[in-house]
All heavy atoms as atom14 arrays in JSON, in Angstrom:
{
  "sequence": "LRMIDLSQHYMLSTGRQPAYMVTKAARAGIPLV",
  "atom14_mask": [
    [1, 1, 1, 1, 1, 1, 1, 1, 0, 0, 0, 0, 0, 0],
    [1, 1, 1, 1, 1, 1, 1, 1, 1, 1, 1, 0, 0, 0],
    [1, 1, 1, 1, 1, 1, 1, 1, 0, 0, 0, 0, 0, 0],
    [1, 1, 1, 1, 1, 1, 1, 1, 0, 0, 0, 0, 0, 0],
    [1, 1, 1, 1, 1, 1, 1, 1, 0, 0, 0, 0, 0, 0],
    [1, 1, 1, 1, 1, 1, 1, 1, 0, 0, 0, 0, 0, 0],
    [1, 1, 1, 1, 1, 1, 0, 0, 0, 0, 0, 0, 0, 0],
    [1, 1, 1, 1, 1, 1, 1, 1, 1, 0, 0, 0, 0, 0],
    [1, 1, 1, 1, 1, 1, 1, 1, 1, 1, 0, 0, 0, 0],
    [1, 1, 1, 1, 1, 1, 1, 1, 1, 1, 1, 1, 0, 0],
    [1, 1, 1, 1, 1, 1, 1, 1, 0, 0, 0, 0, 0, 0],
    [1, 1, 1, 1, 1, 1, 1, 1, 0, 0, 0, 0, 0, 0],
    [1, 1, 1, 1, 1, 1, 0, 0, 0, 0, 0, 0, 0, 0],
    [1, 1, 1, 1, 1, 1, 1, 0, 0, 0, 0, 0, 0, 0],
    [1, 1, 1, 1, 0, 0, 0, 0, 0, 0, 0, 0, 0, 0],
    [1, 1, 1, 1, 1, 1, 1, 1, 1, 1, 1, 0, 0, 0],
    [1, 1, 1, 1, 1, 1, 1, 1, 1, 0, 0, 0, 0, 0],
    [1, 1, 1, 1, 1, 1, 1, 0, 0, 0, 0, 0, 0, 0],
    [1, 1, 1, 1, 1, 0, 0, 0, 0, 0, 0, 0, 0, 0],
    [1, 1, 1, 1, 1, 1, 1, 1, 1, 1, 1, 1, 0, 0],
    [1, 1, 1, 1, 1, 1, 1, 1, 0, 0, 0, 0, 0, 0],
    [1, 1, 1, 1, 1, 1, 1, 0, 0, 0, 0, 0, 0, 0],
    [1, 1, 1, 1, 1, 1, 1, 0, 0, 0, 0, 0, 0, 0],
    [1, 1, 1, 1, 1, 1, 1, 1, 1, 0, 0, 0, 0, 0],
    [1, 1, 1, 1, 1, 0, 0, 0, 0, 0, 0, 0, 0, 0],
    [1, 1, 1, 1, 1, 0, 0, 0, 0, 0, 0, 0, 0, 0],
    [1, 1, 1, 1, 1, 1, 1, 1, 1, 1, 1, 0, 0, 0],
    [1, 1, 1, 1, 1, 0, 0, 0, 0, 0, 0, 0, 0, 0],
    [1, 1, 1, 1, 0, 0, 0, 0, 0, 0, 0, 0, 0, 0],
    [1, 1, 1, 1, 1, 1, 1, 1, 0, 0, 0, 0, 0, 0],
    [1, 1, 1, 1, 1, 1, 1, 0, 0, 0, 0, 0, 0, 0],
    [1, 1, 1, 1, 1, 1, 1, 1, 0, 0, 0, 0, 0, 0],
    [1, 1, 1, 1, 1, 1, 1, 0, 0, 0, 0, 0, 0, 0]
  ],
  "atom14_positions": [
    [[-22.93, -9.83, -10.02], [-24.28, -9.98, -10.56], [-24.87, -8.65, -11.02], [-25.69, -8.62, -11.94], [-25.19, -10.62, -9.51], [-24.81, -12.06, -9.12], [-25.59, -12.52, -7.91], [-25.03, -13.01, -10.29], [0.0, 0.0, 0.0], [0.0, 0.0, 0.0], [0.0, 0.0, 0.0], [0.0, 0.0, 0.0], [0.0, 0.0, 0.0], [0.0, 0.0, 0.0]],
    [[-24.44, -7.54, -10.4], [-24.97, -6.22, -10.77], [-24.01, -5.44, -11.68], [-24.25, -4.29, -11.98], [-25.25, -5.4, -9.51], [-26.22, -6.06, -8.55], [-26.5, -5.18, -7.34], [-27.14, -5.93, -6.28], [-27.55, -5.41, -5.12], [-27.36, -4.11, -4.91], [-28.12, -6.15, -4.2], [0.0, 0.0, 0.0], [0.0, 0.0, 0.0], [0.0, 0.0, 0.0]],
    [[-22.93, -6.08, -12.06], [-21.93, -5.47, -12.95], [-21.38, -4.16, -12.36], [-21.29, -3.14, -13.04], [-22.51, -5.25, -14.34], [-22.82, -6.56, -15.06], [-23.41, -6.36, -16.75], [-25.03, -5.65, -16.45], [0.0, 0.0, 0.0], [0.0, 0.0, 0.0], [0.0, 0.0, 0.0], [0.0, 0.0, 0.0], [0.0, 0.0, 0.0], [0.0, 0.0, 0.0]],
    [[-21.0, -4.2, -11.1], [-20.39, -3.06, -10.42], [-18.87, -3.18, -10.54], [-18.3, -4.24, -10.31], [-20.79, -3.03, -8.93], [-22.3, -2.8, -8.8], [-20.02, -1.96, -8.16], [-22.81, -2.96, -7.38], [0.0, 0.0, 0.0], [0.0, 0.0, 0.0], [0.0, 0.0, 0.0], [0.0, 0.0, 0.0], [0.0, 0.0, 0.0], [0.0, 0.0, 0.0]],
    [[-18.22, -2.09, -10.89], [-16.76, -2.07, -11.06], [-16.1, -1.97, -9.69], [-16.03, -0.9, -9.08], [-16.36, -0.88, -11.93], [-14.86, -0.87, -12.24], [-14.14, -1.76, -11.74], [-14.43, 0.04, -12.97], [0.0, 0.0, 0.0], [0.0, 0.0, 0.0], [0.0, 0.0, 0.0], [0.0, 0.0, 0.0], [0.0, 0.0, 0.0], [0.0, 0.0, 0.0]],
    [[-15.59, -3.1, -9.2], [-14.98, -3.13, -7.87], [-13.71, -2.29, -7.79], [-13.35, -1.82, -6.71], [-14.66, -4.57, -7.48], [-15.86, -5.43, -7.06], [-15.43, -6.88, -6.89], [-16.47, -4.91, -5.77], [0.0, 0.0, 0.0], [0.0, 0.0, 0.0], [0.0, 0.0, 0.0], [0.0, 0.0, 0.0], [0.0, 0.0, 0.0], [0.0, 0.0, 0.0]],
    [[-13.05, -2.07, -8.91], [-11.79, -1.33, -8.89], [-12.0, 0.15, -8.58], [-11.04, 0.86, -8.28], [-11.07, -1.46, -10.24], [-11.75, -0.74, -11.26], [0.0, 0.0, 0.0], [0.0, 0.0, 0.0], [0.0, 0.0, 0.0], [0.0, 0.0, 0.0], [0.0, 0.0, 0.0], [0.0, 0.0, 0.0], [0.0, 0.0, 0.0], [0.0, 0.0, 0.0]],
    [[-13.26, 0.61, -8.62], [-13.57, 2.02, -8.37], [-14.44, 2.2, -7.13], [-15.06, 3.25, -6.94], [-14.25, 2.63, -9.6], [-13.41, 2.58, -10.86], [-12.08, 3.29, -10.69], [-12.02, 4.44, -10.25], [-11.0, 2.6, -11.05], [0.0, 0.0, 0.0], [0.0, 0.0, 0.0], [0.0, 0.0, 0.0], [0.0, 0.0, 0.0], [0.0, 0.0, 0.0]],
    [[-14.49, 1.19, -6.29], [-15.25, 1.25, -5.03], [-14.35, 0.81, -3.88], [-13.39, 0.07, -4.08], [-16.47, 0.33, -5.07], [-17.56, 0.79, -5.98], [-17.44, 0.75, -7.35], [-18.79, 1.31, -5.71], [-18.57, 1.22, -7.89], [-19.39, 1.57, -6.92], [0.0, 0.0, 0.0], [0.0, 0.0, 0.0], [0.0, 0.0, 0.0], [0.0, 0.0, 0.0]],
    [[-14.67, 1.25, -2.68], [-13.98, 0.7, -1.52], [-14.96, -0.17, -0.74], [-16.19, -0.04, -0.88], [-13.36, 1.78, -0.64], [-14.29, 2.6, 0.23], [-14.66, 2.16, 1.51], [-14.77, 3.83, -0.19], [-15.48, 2.92, 2.33], [-15.59, 4.6, 0.62], [-15.94, 4.15, 1.87], [-16.77, 4.91, 2.68], [0.0, 0.0, 0.0], [0.0, 0.0, 0.0]],
    [[-14.4, -1.08, 0.03], [-15.24, -1.98, 0.82], [-15.22, -1.57, 2.28], [-14.16, -1.36, 2.87], [-14.76, -3.43, 0.7], [-15.72, -4.41, 1.38], [-15.16, -6.13, 1.24], [-13.8, -6.12, 2.41], [0.0, 0.0, 0.0], [0.0, 0.0, 0.0], [0.0, 0.0, 0.0], [0.0, 0.0, 0.0], [0.0, 0.0, 0.0], [0.0, 0.0, 0.0]],
    [[-16.4, -1.5, 2.86], [-16.58, -1.23, 4.28], [-16.85, -2.55, 4.97], [-17.62, -3.37, 4.48], [-17.76, -0.28, 4.47], [-18.04, 0.25, 5.87], [-16.95, 1.24, 6.28], [-19.4, 0.94, 5.89], [0.0, 0.0, 0.0], [0.0, 0.0, 0.0], [0.0, 0.0, 0.0], [0.0, 0.0, 0.0], [0.0, 0.0, 0.0], [0.0, 0.0, 0.0]],
    [[-16.19, -2.78, 6.11], [-16.37, -4.03, 6.83], [-16.46, -3.76, 8.33], [-15.77, -2.89, 8.85], [-15.2, -4.99, 6.55], [-15.27, -6.14, 7.38], [0.0, 0.0, 0.0], [0.0, 0.0, 0.0], [0.0, 0.0, 0.0], [0.0, 0.0, 0.0], [0.0, 0.0, 0.0], [0.0, 0.0, 0.0], [0.0, 0.0, 0.0], [0.0, 0.0, 0.0]],
    [[-17.32, -4.53, 9.02], [-17.39, -4.4, 10.47], [-16.42, -5.35, 11.16], [-16.27, -5.29, 12.38], [-18.82, -4.71, 10.97], [-19.2, -6.02, 10.52], [-19.81, -3.69, 10.43], [0.0, 0.0, 0.0], [0.0, 0.0, 0.0], [0.0, 0.0, 0.0], [0.0, 0.0, 0.0], [0.0, 0.0, 0.0], [0.0, 0.0, 0.0], [0.0, 0.0, 0.0]],
    [[-15.78, -6.23, 10.4], [-14.91, -7.24, 10.99], [-13.45, -6.83, 11.06], [-13.0, -5.92, 10.36], [0.0, 0.0, 0.0], [0.0, 0.0, 0.0], [0.0, 0.0, 0.0], [0.0, 0.0, 0.0], [0.0, 0.0, 0.0], [0.0, 0.0, 0.0], [0.0, 0.0, 0.0], [0.0, 0.0, 0.0], [0.0, 0.0, 0.0], [0.0, 0.0, 0.0]],
    [[-12.72, -7.5, 11.94], [-11.27, -7.31, 12.0], [-10.65, -7.82, 10.71], [-11.24, -8.62, 10.0], [-10.7, -8.06, 13.21], [-11.19, -7.51, 14.54], [-10.75, -8.4, 15.69], [-11.38, -9.72, 15.61], [-11.08, -10.73, 16.41], [-10.14, -10.59, 17.33], [-11.7, -11.89, 16.29], [0.0, 0.0, 0.0], [0.0, 0.0, 0.0], [0.0, 0.0, 0.0]],
    [[-9.44, -7.36, 10.41], [-8.83, -7.65, 9.11], [-7.48, -8.36, 9.27], [-6.43, -7.75, 9.22], [-8.65, -6.35, 8.33], [-9.93, -5.62, 8.0], [-10.82, -6.42, 7.07], [-10.38, -6.89, 6.03], [-12.09, -6.57, 7.44], [0.0, 0.0, 0.0], [0.0, 0.0, 0.0], [0.0, 0.0, 0.0], [0.0, 0.0, 0.0], [0.0, 0.0, 0.0]],
    [[-7.51, -9.69, 9.43], [-6.27, -10.46, 9.34], [-5.91, -10.61, 7.86], [-6.65, -10.19, 6.97], [-6.64, -11.8, 9.97], [-8.1, -11.94, 9.69], [-8.67, -10.53, 9.75], [0.0, 0.0, 0.0], [0.0, 0.0, 0.0], [0.0, 0.0, 0.0], [0.0, 0.0, 0.0], [0.0, 0.0, 0.0], [0.0, 0.0, 0.0], [0.0, 0.0, 0.0]],
    [[-4.79, -11.26, 7.59], [-4.34, -11.43, 6.2], [-5.4, -12.14, 5.36], [-5.61, -11.8, 4.2], [-3.03, -12.22, 6.18], [0.0, 0.0, 0.0], [0.0, 0.0, 0.0], [0.0, 0.0, 0.0], [0.0, 0.0, 0.0], [0.0, 0.0, 0.0], [0.0, 0.0, 0.0], [0.0, 0.0, 0.0], [0.0, 0.0, 0.0], [0.0, 0.0, 0.0]],
    [[-6.07, -13.12, 5.95], [-7.07, -13.89, 5.21], [-8.17, -12.98, 4.66], [-8.58, -13.11, 3.49], [-7.66, -14.94, 6.15], [-8.86, -15.67, 5.61], [-8.74, -16.49, 4.5], [-10.1, -15.56, 6.22], [-9.84, -17.18, 3.99], [-11.2, -16.24, 5.73], [-11.07, -17.04, 4.61], [-12.16, -17.71, 4.11], [0.0, 0.0, 0.0], [0.0, 0.0, 0.0]],
    [[-8.67, -12.05, 5.48], [-9.74, -11.15, 5.04], [-9.24, -10.17, 3.99], [-9.92, -9.9, 3.0], [-10.31, -10.41, 6.25], [-11.1, -11.28, 7.2], [-12.71, -11.76, 6.53], [-13.57, -10.2, 6.66], [0.0, 0.0, 0.0], [0.0, 0.0, 0.0], [0.0, 0.0, 0.0], [0.0, 0.0, 0.0], [0.0, 0.0, 0.0], [0.0, 0.0, 0.0]],
    [[-8.07, -9.61, 4.2], [-7.5, -8.65, 3.25], [-7.28, -9.32, 1.89], [-7.56, -8.74, 0.84], [-6.18, -8.06, 3.79], [-5.46, -7.25, 2.72], [-6.46, -7.19, 5.02], [0.0, 0.0, 0.0], [0.0, 0.0, 0.0], [0.0, 0.0, 0.0], [0.0, 0.0, 0.0], [0.0, 0.0, 0.0], [0.0, 0.0, 0.0], [0.0, 0.0, 0.0]],
    [[-6.79, -10.55, 1.93], [-6.52, -11.27, 0.69], [-7.79, -11.53, -0.1], [-7.8, -11.48, -1.33], [-5.8, -12.59, 1.0], [-4.57, -12.3, 1.68], [-5.47, -13.36, -0.27], [0.0, 0.0, 0.0], [0.0, 0.0, 0.0], [0.0, 0.0, 0.0], [0.0, 0.0, 0.0], [0.0, 0.0, 0.0], [0.0, 0.0, 0.0], [0.0, 0.0, 0.0]],
    [[-8.89, -11.82, 0.58], [-10.17, -12.03, -0.1], [-10.55, -10.78, -0.89], [-10.97, -10.87, -2.06], [-11.26, -12.37, 0.92], [-11.16, -13.76, 1.51], [-12.16, -13.99, 2.62], [-13.54, -14.27, 2.09], [-13.67, -15.58, 1.44], [0.0, 0.0, 0.0], [0.0, 0.0, 0.0], [0.0, 0.0, 0.0], [0.0, 0.0, 0.0], [0.0, 0.0, 0.0]],
    [[-10.43, -9.62, -0.28], [-10.76, -8.36, -0.95], [-9.81, -8.1, -2.12], [-10.23, -7.66, -3.2], [-10.72, -7.21, 0.04], [0.0, 0.0, 0.0], [0.0, 0.0, 0.0], [0.0, 0.0, 0.0], [0.0, 0.0, 0.0], [0.0, 0.0, 0.0], [0.0, 0.0, 0.0], [0.0, 0.0, 0.0], [0.0, 0.0, 0.0], [0.0, 0.0, 0.0]],
    [[-8.53, -8.37, -1.91], [-7.54, -8.12, -2.95], [-7.78, -9.01, -4.17], [-7.63, -8.56, -5.31], [-6.13, -8.34, -2.4], [0.0, 0.0, 0.0], [0.0, 0.0, 0.0], [0.0, 0.0, 0.0], [0.0, 0.0, 0.0], [0.0, 0.0, 0.0], [0.0, 0.0, 0.0], [0.0, 0.0, 0.0], [0.0, 0.0, 0.0], [0.0, 0.0, 0.0]],
    [[-8.14, -10.26, -3.95], [-8.42, -11.16, -5.08], [-9.57, -10.63, -5.94], [-9.6, -10.86, -7.15], [-8.78, -12.55, -4.57], [-7.61, -13.37, -4.08], [-8.0, -14.85, -3.98], [-6.95, -15.64, -3.35], [-7.0, -16.11, -2.11], [-8.04, -15.84, -1.35], [-6.02, -16.83, -1.62], [0.0, 0.0, 0.0], [0.0, 0.0, 0.0], [0.0, 0.0, 0.0]],
    [[-10.5, -9.93, -5.31], [-11.63, -9.38, -6.06], [-11.3, -8.05, -6.73], [-12.12, -7.51, -7.46], [-12.82, -9.19, -5.11], [0.0, 0.0, 0.0], [0.0, 0.0, 0.0], [0.0, 0.0, 0.0], [0.0, 0.0, 0.0], [0.0, 0.0, 0.0], [0.0, 0.0, 0.0], [0.0, 0.0, 0.0], [0.0, 0.0, 0.0], [0.0, 0.0, 0.0]],
    [[-10.09, -7.52, -6.47], [-9.67, -6.27, -7.09], [-10.13, -5.03, -6.37], [-10.16, -3.93, -6.94], [0.0, 0.0, 0.0], [0.0, 0.0, 0.0], [0.0, 0.0, 0.0], [0.0, 0.0, 0.0], [0.0, 0.0, 0.0], [0.0, 0.0, 0.0], [0.0, 0.0, 0.0], [0.0, 0.0, 0.0], [0.0, 0.0, 0.0], [0.0, 0.0, 0.0]],
    [[-10.46, -5.15, -5.09], [-10.91, -4.0, -4.3], [-9.69, -3.2, -3.83], [-8.8, -3.76, -3.19], [-11.74, -4.47, -3.09], [-13.02, -5.17, -3.58], [-12.09, -3.32, -2.17], [-13.8, -5.87, -2.5], [0.0, 0.0, 0.0], [0.0, 0.0, 0.0], [0.0, 0.0, 0.0], [0.0, 0.0, 0.0], [0.0, 0.0, 0.0], [0.0, 0.0, 0.0]],
    [[-9.63, -1.89, -4.11], [-8.42, -1.12, -3.83], [-8.28, -0.6, -2.4], [-7.19, -0.25, -1.97], [-8.52, 0.06, -4.8], [-9.98, 0.25, -4.99], [-10.58, -1.13, -4.94], [0.0, 0.0, 0.0], [0.0, 0.0, 0.0], [0.0, 0.0, 0.0], [0.0, 0.0, 0.0], [0.0, 0.0, 0.0], [0.0, 0.0, 0.0], [0.0, 0.0, 0.0]],
    [[-9.39, -0.55, -1.65], [-9.33, -0.01, -0.29], [-10.35, -0.73, 0.58], [-11.49, -0.95, 0.16], [-9.62, 1.5, -0.3], [-9.46, 2.28, 1.02], [-9.05, 3.73, 0.74], [-10.74, 2.26, 1.87], [0.0, 0.0, 0.0], [0.0, 0.0, 0.0], [0.0, 0.0, 0.0], [0.0, 0.0, 0.0], [0.0, 0.0, 0.0], [0.0, 0.0, 0.0]],
    [[-9.93, -1.1, 1.78], [-10.82, -1.71, 2.76], [-10.8, -0.85, 4.02], [-9.73, -0.52, 4.53], [-10.37, -3.15, 3.12], [-11.23, -3.7, 4.25], [-10.46, -4.05, 1.89], [0.0, 0.0, 0.0], [0.0, 0.0, 0.0], [0.0, 0.0, 0.0], [0.0, 0.0, 0.0], [0.0, 0.0, 0.0], [0.0, 0.0, 0.0], [0.0, 0.0, 0.0]]
  ]
}
């Protein structure tokens, strides 16, 4: 909605990262979690 380029940002998360969570980020094109 804000036209932010996800490919040039990393995502910070407070949650544990099983495959399901990592895959969600990867589908959005996020390069680092």
